Amino acid sequence: MLETRYLSERALRGERSWRLLRYLLDRGADEWTIEVMALRDTLAPFADAFEDEMAPFERQAAPRPMWDAETRVVAVRPVRLWTLDERSLTRLRSFLDEGLFHSPPGPDGWLENLAVFRAGELVLGVASHEGEAVLRLTAREHAEVTALGTP
């Protein structure tokens, strides 16, 4: 049974965020989504580069449970999906080089609200601007994540 725990941006700073994503990958997480943002009617080279780089990993959009930090509710909605594997994780990291919450809006485009899934179930949901995340794992997995240094 999955238990829900809430994390702050402070808990996932720096290498901790990448250790957590690596852990989730090693425990069967197989897909992810993120919102690719751009200003209307404006060229967005950062967003375009992200989409080009991630094209080989894109899956068909599908309904997935997504977390809303404001309401603290997980609700199913259609999202774009990408395969989570070693290569996509490495490429994702190059776009989120300052961590999972790094999403400064700007004219070049930006990324926000990463979510990671295992067999269609939400295991990690990041609310970028709110500085919060939800982690849905078994009690044993939560203990293992804590041992990795994620408070």
Protein backbone atom coordinates (compact mmCIF):
# COMPACT_ATOMS: atom_id res chain seq x y z
CA MET A 1 0.00 0.00 0.00
CA LEU A 2 1.29 3.44 -0.93
CA GLU A 3 1.78 6.07 1.75
CA THR A 4 1.80 9.76 0.86
CA ARG A 5 4.46 12.07 2.24
CA TYR A 6 5.07 15.71 1.44
CA LEU A 7 8.46 17.21 0.70
CA SER A 8 9.66 20.79 0.52
CA GLU A 9 11.94 22.20 -2.10
CA ARG A 10 14.63 22.34 0.58
CA ALA A 11 14.42 18.53 0.99
CA LEU A 12 15.11 17.99 -2.71
CA ARG A 13 17.93 20.44 -3.35
CA GLY A 14 20.98 19.54 -5.37
CA GLU A 15 22.03 15.93 -5.63
CA ARG A 16 19.21 14.74 -3.37
CA SER A 17 16.71 15.26 -6.17
CA TRP A 18 18.77 13.18 -8.59
CA ARG A 19 19.36 10.43 -6.01
CA LEU A 20 15.58 10.28 -5.54
CA LEU A 21 14.91 10.05 -9.28
CA ARG A 22 17.60 7.37 -9.62
CA TYR A 23 16.01 5.46 -6.74
CA LEU A 24 12.57 5.67 -8.37
CA LEU A 25 13.99 4.44 -11.68
CA ASP A 26 15.69 1.53 -9.92
CA ARG A 27 12.38 0.67 -8.20
CA GLY A 28 10.38 0.45 -11.40
CA ALA A 29 9.34 4.01 -12.25
CA ASP A 30 8.88 3.88 -16.00
CA GLU A 31 7.45 7.18 -17.24
CA TRP A 32 7.26 10.87 -16.44
CA THR A 33 5.62 14.08 -17.50
CA ILE A 34 6.48 17.75 -17.23
CA GLU A 35 4.76 20.90 -18.40
CA VAL A 36 6.62 22.55 -21.26
CA MET A 37 5.82 26.24 -21.05
CA ALA A 38 6.28 29.18 -23.41
CA LEU A 39 4.87 32.65 -23.85
CA ARG A 40 2.19 32.86 -26.50
CA ASP A 41 3.36 33.92 -29.97
CA THR A 42 7.00 34.00 -28.84
CA LEU A 43 9.94 31.90 -29.99
CA ALA A 44 10.99 29.59 -27.16
CA PRO A 45 14.39 28.04 -27.95
CA PHE A 46 14.73 26.37 -24.52
CA ALA A 47 11.32 24.70 -24.79
CA ASP A 48 11.99 23.74 -28.41
CA ALA A 49 15.39 22.24 -27.51
CA PHE A 50 13.76 20.23 -24.71
CA GLU A 51 11.10 18.85 -27.04
CA ASP A 52 13.70 17.96 -29.69
CA GLU A 53 15.95 16.25 -27.12
CA MET A 54 13.09 14.27 -25.58
CA ALA A 55 11.38 13.26 -28.83
CA PRO A 56 12.92 9.74 -28.84
CA PHE A 57 11.37 9.07 -25.40
CA GLU A 58 7.90 10.45 -26.00
CA ARG A 59 4.98 8.09 -25.43
CA GLN A 60 1.36 8.49 -26.34
CA ALA A 61 -0.46 10.92 -24.05
CA ALA A 62 -2.63 9.16 -21.48
CA PRO A 63 -4.64 9.85 -18.33
CA ARG A 64 -2.49 9.80 -15.19
CA PRO A 65 -3.01 10.81 -11.56
CA MET A 66 -1.59 14.30 -11.03
CA TRP A 67 -1.08 16.08 -7.73
CA ASP A 68 -2.30 19.62 -7.07
CA ALA A 69 -0.36 21.28 -4.24
CA GLU A 70 -3.01 23.92 -3.64
CA THR A 71 -5.84 21.46 -3.02
CA ARG A 72 -3.66 18.50 -1.93
CA VAL A 73 -5.74 16.33 -4.26
CA VAL A 74 -4.57 13.72 -6.74
CA ALA A 75 -6.85 13.75 -9.78
CA VAL A 76 -6.59 11.90 -13.08
CA ARG A 77 -6.14 13.96 -16.23
CA PRO A 78 -4.54 13.44 -19.66
CA VAL A 79 -0.84 14.31 -19.81
CA ARG A 80 2.07 14.05 -22.21
CA LEU A 81 4.40 11.19 -21.27
CA TRP A 82 8.02 10.24 -21.76
CA THR A 83 9.76 6.96 -20.97
CA LEU A 84 11.91 7.02 -17.84
CA ASP A 85 15.20 5.25 -18.40
CA GLU A 86 18.93 5.96 -18.00
CA ARG A 87 19.14 8.04 -21.15
CA SER A 88 16.02 10.13 -20.60
CA LEU A 89 17.01 10.77 -16.97
CA THR A 90 20.41 12.06 -18.09
CA ARG A 91 18.84 14.30 -20.70
CA LEU A 92 16.19 15.57 -18.30
CA ARG A 93 18.90 16.48 -15.82
CA SER A 94 20.59 18.67 -18.42
CA PHE A 95 17.41 20.79 -18.60
CA LEU A 96 16.79 20.89 -14.84
CA ASP A 97 20.40 21.52 -13.94
CA GLU A 98 19.50 23.43 -10.77
CA GLY A 99 17.09 20.79 -9.48
CA LEU A 100 13.56 19.52 -9.84
CA PHE A 101 11.99 22.82 -8.76
CA HIS A 102 14.02 25.05 -11.06
CA SER A 103 11.49 26.66 -13.37
CA PRO A 104 12.15 30.34 -13.90
CA PRO A 105 9.63 31.60 -16.44
CA GLY A 106 11.21 33.45 -19.30
CA PRO A 107 10.95 34.27 -22.96
CA ASP A 108 12.98 31.18 -23.97
CA GLY A 109 10.46 28.81 -22.38
CA TRP A 110 10.60 26.82 -19.15
CA LEU A 111 9.61 23.52 -17.52
CA GLU A 112 7.50 22.95 -14.45
CA ASN A 113 5.59 20.37 -12.42
CA LEU A 114 7.51 17.16 -13.00
CA ALA A 115 5.61 13.96 -12.21
CA VAL A 116 7.01 10.42 -12.18
CA PHE A 117 4.92 7.27 -12.55
CA ARG A 118 5.35 3.56 -11.87
CA ALA A 119 2.92 1.33 -13.76
CA GLY A 120 0.62 4.31 -14.24
CA GLU A 121 0.60 5.31 -10.56
CA LEU A 122 2.00 8.63 -9.37
CA VAL A 123 5.09 8.16 -7.20
CA LEU A 124 6.50 11.71 -7.32
CA GLY A 125 4.64 14.92 -8.08
CA VAL A 126 6.44 18.27 -8.02
CA ALA A 127 4.59 21.59 -7.77
CA SER A 128 7.37 23.86 -8.99
CA HIS A 129 6.09 27.30 -7.99
CA GLU A 130 4.70 26.12 -4.66
CA GLY A 131 8.04 24.57 -3.70
CA GLU A 132 6.37 21.33 -2.64
CA ALA A 133 6.30 17.73 -3.77
CA VAL A 134 4.35 14.61 -2.97
CA LEU A 135 6.06 11.23 -2.69
CA ARG A 136 3.84 8.14 -2.82
CA LEU A 137 5.72 4.96 -1.86
CA THR A 138 5.44 1.97 0.42
CA ALA A 139 6.56 2.38 4.04
CA ARG A 140 9.71 0.37 3.30
CA GLU A 141 10.51 2.53 0.28
CA HIS A 142 10.02 5.72 2.31
CA ALA A 143 12.53 4.38 4.85
CA GLU A 144 15.00 3.64 2.03
CA VAL A 145 14.56 7.15 0.61
CA THR A 146 15.18 8.63 4.06
CA ALA A 147 18.35 6.54 4.32
CA LEU A 148 19.49 8.06 1.01
CA GLY A 149 19.41 11.49 2.67
CA THR A 150 16.00 12.81 1.63
CA PRO A 151 14.35 14.16 4.76
